[in-house]
Amino acid sequence: MKSVCVLLSTYNGEKYLPAQIESLLKQEGIELSVIARDDGSKDGTVELLRYYSNKDSRLDFYKGKNLGVAQSFFNLIKYAKPADYYAFCDQDDIWDSDKLKCAVDFLEKEDNSKPNMYFSNLRIVDQKLTYYRLSHLTPLIQKNKYSALTEDIATGCTIVFNYTAKEYAKSRIPEYCSMHDTWIYMICKFFGKCVYDFNAHISYRQHGNNVVGTYLDKKPVSLYIARINRLFNRKLQPRYNNARNFYYLFGDKLDFVDALKVKELAYYKASLKSRFKLLFDKDINASSWSREICYRILIVLGIV
């Protein structure tokens, strides 16, 4: 039976945390451990973690200062105990009892000497767990590894990755990355493999306090406005900054062609010629026409 260590970051999550933890402890077909890091909660989250750790020895936790969601997960990666596989976990979802077993079954078919990860579809539910829809209506497909530079199509709470991927991430934790799941995704796309499961094994709860989320049914005007404002915020350049940090930390491990592609995005601002080269590079693209248009516009504006 394979061991899976669940990495759970919490922050003021007392409302939904018990249901999430209960679903974690019901995982079947794997050897489970849970390590939780509290990111400076002000409510009763720490007391809940203490209660469950006393109740079930498979769960352990520690407290830290507020680092934000990405760095909190990187801290968990840094201090995670040895296991065959690792899974990112949010504090407010509900996992099916076979979620981790399904992921392990996928990953066991791959070469685990390389950094590999699994991700899946999600069931979108509201705060009362009322079902709305699947997150992916059709299977997610990226044409090549370089698309990982433009978008991370894997939702973090579905990701399960092997020990090799954990060691890659642990050895070179970035000062900046837009999200922890994006970093793991880039590592596995360039150095290993990402496997996708169209079936959903998680109820992805949407409520007013989601750090990252999605819409329930019809997109409200306010959501469109917020996305447009974020898209053209010159302080937010996640693709550019992710690429620069990835090249800085992993450039020595990339093969010649891959290094050139990462550098193309990381240094596209160096000259007008560099910007045009990236603009017309058909290998570095997005997975849908709408995202592709936005991505090309951001290159022209210099804020990709």
Protein backbone atom coordinates (compact mmCIF):
# COMPACT_ATOMS: atom_id res chain seq x y z
CA MET A 1 0.00 0.00 0.00
CA LYS A 2 1.45 3.36 -1.07
CA SER A 3 1.90 6.21 1.41
CA VAL A 4 0.43 9.65 0.71
CA CYS A 5 1.18 12.73 2.79
CA VAL A 6 -1.52 15.40 2.53
CA LEU A 7 -0.22 18.98 2.79
CA LEU A 8 -2.94 21.16 4.32
CA SER A 9 -2.56 24.92 4.74
CA THR A 10 -5.13 26.65 6.94
CA TYR A 11 -6.07 30.27 7.60
CA ASN A 12 -9.20 31.31 9.51
CA GLY A 13 -10.90 28.17 8.25
CA GLU A 14 -12.90 26.99 11.25
CA LYS A 15 -16.26 27.08 9.42
CA TYR A 16 -15.52 24.38 6.84
CA LEU A 17 -12.36 22.72 8.17
CA PRO A 18 -14.01 19.89 10.17
CA ALA A 19 -15.83 18.52 7.12
CA GLN A 20 -12.63 18.67 5.07
CA ILE A 21 -10.59 16.87 7.71
CA GLU A 22 -13.27 14.20 8.14
CA SER A 23 -13.13 13.51 4.40
CA LEU A 24 -9.33 13.26 4.53
CA LEU A 25 -9.42 10.71 7.33
CA LYS A 26 -11.83 8.54 5.32
CA GLN A 27 -9.39 8.02 2.42
CA GLU A 28 -9.24 4.38 1.35
CA GLY A 29 -6.63 2.18 -0.26
CA ILE A 30 -3.56 4.20 0.76
CA GLU A 31 -1.43 4.77 3.84
CA LEU A 32 -2.46 8.27 4.92
CA SER A 33 -0.70 11.01 6.83
CA VAL A 34 -1.74 14.66 7.07
CA ILE A 35 0.55 17.55 7.93
CA ALA A 36 -1.19 20.88 8.44
CA ARG A 37 0.39 24.31 8.73
CA ASP A 38 -1.67 27.16 10.14
CA ASP A 39 -0.81 30.44 8.44
CA GLY A 40 -1.51 32.75 11.41
CA SER A 41 -5.24 32.19 11.98
CA LYS A 42 -7.14 34.48 14.32
CA ASP A 43 -10.19 32.25 14.78
CA GLY A 44 -10.58 28.74 16.20
CA THR A 45 -8.71 26.93 13.42
CA VAL A 46 -5.71 25.98 15.56
CA GLU A 47 -7.98 24.56 18.26
CA LEU A 48 -9.68 22.40 15.62
CA LEU A 49 -6.34 21.15 14.34
CA ARG A 50 -5.29 20.32 17.89
CA TYR A 51 -8.56 18.45 18.49
CA TYR A 52 -8.16 16.29 15.39
CA SER A 53 -4.45 15.65 15.97
CA ASN A 54 -5.28 14.36 19.45
CA LYS A 55 -8.13 12.29 18.03
CA ASP A 56 -6.20 10.72 15.13
CA SER A 57 -2.43 10.17 15.09
CA ARG A 58 -2.36 10.36 11.28
CA LEU A 59 -2.79 14.15 11.51
CA ASP A 60 -0.10 16.48 12.76
CA PHE A 61 0.13 20.27 12.60
CA TYR A 62 2.30 23.26 13.36
CA LYS A 63 1.73 27.00 13.54
CA GLY A 64 3.56 29.73 11.67
CA LYS A 65 3.42 33.40 10.86
CA ASN A 66 1.26 34.60 7.99
CA LEU A 67 3.14 33.92 4.76
CA GLY A 68 0.25 33.81 2.30
CA VAL A 69 -1.09 30.71 0.61
CA ALA A 70 1.79 30.01 -1.81
CA GLN A 71 4.65 30.35 0.70
CA SER A 72 2.67 28.46 3.33
CA PHE A 73 2.50 25.46 1.00
CA PHE A 74 6.18 25.81 0.12
CA ASN A 75 6.90 25.68 3.83
CA LEU A 76 4.89 22.46 4.07
CA ILE A 77 6.91 20.98 1.20
CA LYS A 78 10.11 21.93 2.99
CA TYR A 79 9.17 20.13 6.21
CA ALA A 80 7.08 17.24 4.84
CA LYS A 81 8.05 13.77 6.02
CA PRO A 82 9.05 11.07 3.49
CA ALA A 83 6.18 9.47 1.58
CA ASP A 84 5.59 7.90 -1.81
CA TYR A 85 3.25 10.72 -2.83
CA TYR A 86 2.09 14.15 -1.66
CA ALA A 87 -1.22 15.97 -2.14
CA PHE A 88 -2.11 19.64 -1.84
CA CYS A 89 -5.23 20.27 0.21
CA ASP A 90 -7.37 23.36 0.78
CA GLN A 91 -9.29 23.84 4.00
CA ASP A 92 -12.85 24.01 2.71
CA ASP A 93 -13.50 21.21 0.18
CA ILE A 94 -14.81 17.66 0.50
CA TRP A 95 -12.81 14.74 -0.88
CA ASP A 96 -14.30 11.47 -2.12
CA SER A 97 -12.97 8.47 -0.22
CA ASP A 98 -11.17 7.22 -3.35
CA LYS A 99 -9.58 10.54 -4.34
CA LEU A 100 -6.02 9.67 -3.36
CA LYS A 101 -6.25 6.02 -4.44
CA CYS A 102 -7.32 7.09 -7.94
CA ALA A 103 -4.37 9.48 -8.13
CA VAL A 104 -1.92 6.83 -6.98
CA ASP A 105 -3.28 4.35 -9.54
CA PHE A 106 -2.55 6.87 -12.31
CA LEU A 107 0.93 7.72 -11.04
CA GLU A 108 1.99 4.13 -10.43
CA LYS A 109 1.92 3.62 -14.20
CA GLU A 110 4.65 6.24 -14.67
CA ASP A 111 8.41 6.34 -14.13
CA ASN A 112 8.68 7.64 -10.58
CA SER A 113 12.37 8.42 -10.95
CA LYS A 114 11.09 11.53 -12.72
CA PRO A 115 8.97 14.31 -11.15
CA ASN A 116 5.37 13.41 -12.00
CA MET A 117 2.03 14.78 -10.90
CA TYR A 118 -1.66 13.98 -11.25
CA PHE A 119 -4.60 16.38 -11.44
CA SER A 120 -8.30 15.94 -12.07
CA ASN A 121 -11.66 17.48 -12.78
CA LEU A 122 -13.75 19.00 -9.95
CA ARG A 123 -17.39 19.12 -8.95
CA ILE A 124 -18.34 22.76 -8.34
CA VAL A 125 -20.56 23.11 -5.25
CA ASP A 126 -21.78 26.06 -3.19
CA GLN A 127 -21.14 26.61 0.49
CA LYS A 128 -23.94 24.15 1.35
CA LEU A 129 -22.45 21.53 -1.01
CA THR A 130 -25.23 21.94 -3.58
CA TYR A 131 -23.92 20.65 -6.90
CA TYR A 132 -23.73 23.12 -9.81
CA ARG A 133 -21.54 21.66 -12.55
CA LEU A 134 -18.24 20.06 -13.45
CA SER A 135 -15.31 22.44 -13.68
CA HIS A 136 -14.08 20.93 -16.98
CA LEU A 137 -16.84 20.18 -19.47
CA THR A 138 -14.27 18.68 -21.85
CA PRO A 139 -10.83 17.18 -21.07
CA LEU A 140 -8.07 19.73 -20.56
CA ILE A 141 -5.35 19.52 -23.17
CA GLN A 142 -2.12 21.47 -23.64
CA LYS A 143 -0.28 20.99 -26.91
CA ASN A 144 3.20 20.99 -25.41
CA LYS A 145 5.21 21.62 -22.25
CA TYR A 146 5.77 25.28 -23.10
CA SER A 147 2.10 26.06 -22.51
CA ALA A 148 2.90 25.66 -18.81
CA LEU A 149 4.65 29.04 -19.11
CA THR A 150 1.38 30.75 -20.04
CA GLU A 151 -1.14 28.99 -17.79
CA ASP A 152 -1.46 26.37 -15.08
CA ILE A 153 -4.49 24.26 -15.97
CA ALA A 154 -4.24 22.10 -12.83
CA THR A 155 -6.27 23.17 -9.78
CA GLY A 156 -4.07 22.79 -6.70
CA CYS A 157 -6.49 20.86 -4.51
CA THR A 158 -6.61 18.05 -7.10
CA ILE A 159 -2.83 17.73 -7.45
CA VAL A 160 -0.96 14.67 -6.20
CA PHE A 161 2.79 14.46 -6.92
CA ASN A 162 5.54 11.94 -6.30
CA TYR A 163 8.54 12.05 -3.98
CA THR A 164 10.85 13.05 -6.82
CA ALA A 165 8.74 16.12 -7.60
CA LYS A 166 8.70 17.02 -3.92
CA GLU A 167 12.50 16.84 -3.79
CA TYR A 168 12.81 19.01 -6.90
CA ALA A 169 10.56 21.64 -5.33
CA LYS A 170 12.17 21.40 -1.90
CA SER A 171 15.68 21.87 -3.28
CA ARG A 172 14.83 25.10 -5.10
CA ILE A 173 12.01 27.02 -3.45
CA PRO A 174 11.41 30.31 -5.28
CA GLU A 175 11.31 33.71 -3.63
CA TYR A 176 8.41 34.41 -5.96
CA CYS A 177 5.90 32.21 -7.71
CA SER A 178 2.30 33.15 -8.42
CA MET A 179 1.10 29.94 -6.73
CA HIS A 180 2.61 26.77 -5.27
CA ASP A 181 0.65 24.53 -7.64
CA THR A 182 1.97 26.47 -10.64
CA TRP A 183 5.55 25.75 -9.52
CA ILE A 184 4.93 22.01 -9.18
CA TYR A 185 3.12 22.01 -12.52
CA MET A 186 6.06 23.68 -14.28
CA ILE A 187 8.55 21.28 -12.69
CA CYS A 188 6.61 18.22 -13.79
CA LYS A 189 5.84 19.54 -17.29
CA PHE A 190 9.52 20.25 -17.99
CA PHE A 191 11.24 17.40 -16.17
CA GLY A 192 8.63 14.67 -15.83
CA LYS A 193 4.99 14.14 -16.67
CA CYS A 194 1.54 15.50 -15.77
CA VAL A 195 -1.34 13.00 -15.96
CA TYR A 196 -4.96 14.11 -16.09
CA ASP A 197 -8.15 12.45 -14.86
CA PHE A 198 -11.37 13.76 -16.42
CA ASN A 199 -13.36 12.23 -13.56
CA ALA A 200 -13.98 14.39 -10.49
CA HIS A 201 -13.13 13.08 -7.02
CA ILE A 202 -13.57 16.31 -5.06
CA SER A 203 -16.38 18.71 -4.24
CA TYR A 204 -14.82 22.15 -4.78
CA ARG A 205 -16.67 24.44 -2.40
CA GLN A 206 -17.28 28.03 -3.54
CA HIS A 207 -18.02 30.71 -0.96
CA GLY A 208 -17.27 34.32 -0.20
CA ASN A 209 -13.80 33.71 1.25
CA ASN A 210 -12.15 31.62 -1.50
CA VAL A 211 -8.57 32.76 -2.18
CA VAL A 212 -8.78 31.19 -5.63
CA GLY A 213 -12.02 29.91 -7.02
CA THR A 214 -14.49 29.83 -9.87
CA TYR A 215 -18.04 30.87 -10.62
CA LEU A 216 -21.09 28.75 -9.74
CA ASP A 217 -23.36 29.15 -12.75
CA LYS A 218 -23.74 32.47 -14.59
CA LYS A 219 -20.78 34.82 -14.33
CA PRO A 220 -21.82 38.11 -12.69
CA VAL A 221 -20.72 41.42 -14.19
CA SER A 222 -18.61 42.13 -11.11
CA LEU A 223 -16.58 38.96 -11.77
CA TYR A 224 -15.85 40.01 -15.35
CA ILE A 225 -14.78 43.47 -14.15
CA ALA A 226 -12.52 41.99 -11.45
CA ARG A 227 -10.87 39.65 -13.98
CA ILE A 228 -10.29 42.47 -16.46
CA ASN A 229 -8.78 44.69 -13.75
CA ARG A 230 -6.51 41.86 -12.64
CA LEU A 231 -5.54 41.05 -16.22
CA PHE A 232 -4.29 44.57 -16.90
CA ASN A 233 -2.79 45.27 -13.47
CA ARG A 234 0.82 46.22 -14.26
CA LYS A 235 1.97 45.06 -10.83
CA LEU A 236 0.83 41.52 -11.60
CA GLN A 237 3.02 39.85 -14.20
CA PRO A 238 2.85 36.20 -13.12
CA ARG A 239 4.00 34.54 -16.35
CA TYR A 240 7.02 36.79 -16.70
CA ASN A 241 8.04 36.52 -13.04
CA ASN A 242 7.39 32.77 -12.90
CA ALA A 243 9.57 32.24 -15.97
CA ARG A 244 12.41 34.39 -14.57
CA ASN A 245 12.42 32.52 -11.26
CA PHE A 246 12.11 29.15 -12.97
CA TYR A 247 15.06 29.89 -15.25
CA TYR A 248 17.11 31.25 -12.35
CA LEU A 249 16.56 28.13 -10.22
CA PHE A 250 16.29 25.37 -12.84
CA GLY A 251 18.12 26.76 -15.85
CA ASP A 252 21.07 24.44 -15.25
CA LYS A 253 18.76 21.39 -15.43
CA LEU A 254 16.91 22.38 -18.61
CA ASP A 255 18.01 21.01 -21.95
CA PHE A 256 19.15 23.48 -24.60
CA VAL A 257 15.82 23.94 -26.40
CA ASP A 258 13.75 24.14 -23.21
CA ALA A 259 16.15 26.71 -21.75
CA LEU A 260 15.76 28.88 -24.85
CA LYS A 261 11.96 28.75 -24.56
CA VAL A 262 11.94 29.72 -20.88
CA LYS A 263 14.47 32.52 -21.53
CA GLU A 264 12.27 33.78 -24.35
CA LEU A 265 9.53 34.63 -21.85
CA ALA A 266 11.87 35.52 -18.99
CA TYR A 267 13.72 38.12 -21.08
CA TYR A 268 11.11 39.23 -23.60
CA LYS A 269 11.32 42.79 -22.29
CA ALA A 270 14.98 43.11 -23.25
CA SER A 271 14.22 44.53 -26.70
CA LEU A 272 11.46 45.08 -29.23
CA LYS A 273 12.87 42.17 -31.21
CA SER A 274 12.57 39.88 -28.17
CA ARG A 275 8.96 40.94 -27.65
CA PHE A 276 8.04 40.20 -31.27
CA LYS A 277 9.77 36.84 -31.08
CA LEU A 278 7.60 35.83 -28.12
CA LEU A 279 4.49 37.32 -29.69
CA PHE A 280 4.78 35.10 -32.77
CA ASP A 281 6.08 31.96 -31.07
CA LYS A 282 3.39 29.34 -31.72
CA ASP A 283 4.88 26.88 -29.22
CA ILE A 284 4.28 29.08 -26.18
CA ASN A 285 0.50 29.31 -26.25
CA ALA A 286 -2.69 29.02 -24.21
CA SER A 287 -5.26 26.22 -24.22
CA SER A 288 -8.25 28.20 -25.53
CA TRP A 289 -8.75 30.94 -28.11
CA SER A 290 -9.96 33.46 -25.50
CA ARG A 291 -6.94 32.89 -23.24
CA GLU A 292 -4.67 32.95 -26.29
CA ILE A 293 -5.98 36.38 -27.32
CA CYS A 294 -5.50 37.75 -23.80
CA TYR A 295 -1.99 36.29 -23.61
CA ARG A 296 -0.93 37.91 -26.90
CA ILE A 297 -2.40 41.25 -25.87
CA LEU A 298 -0.44 41.14 -22.61
CA ILE A 299 2.79 40.52 -24.55
CA VAL A 300 2.14 43.63 -26.67
CA LEU A 301 1.46 45.66 -23.52
CA GLY A 302 4.54 44.27 -21.78
CA ILE A 303 2.64 42.96 -18.74
CA VAL A 304 2.33 39.25 -19.48
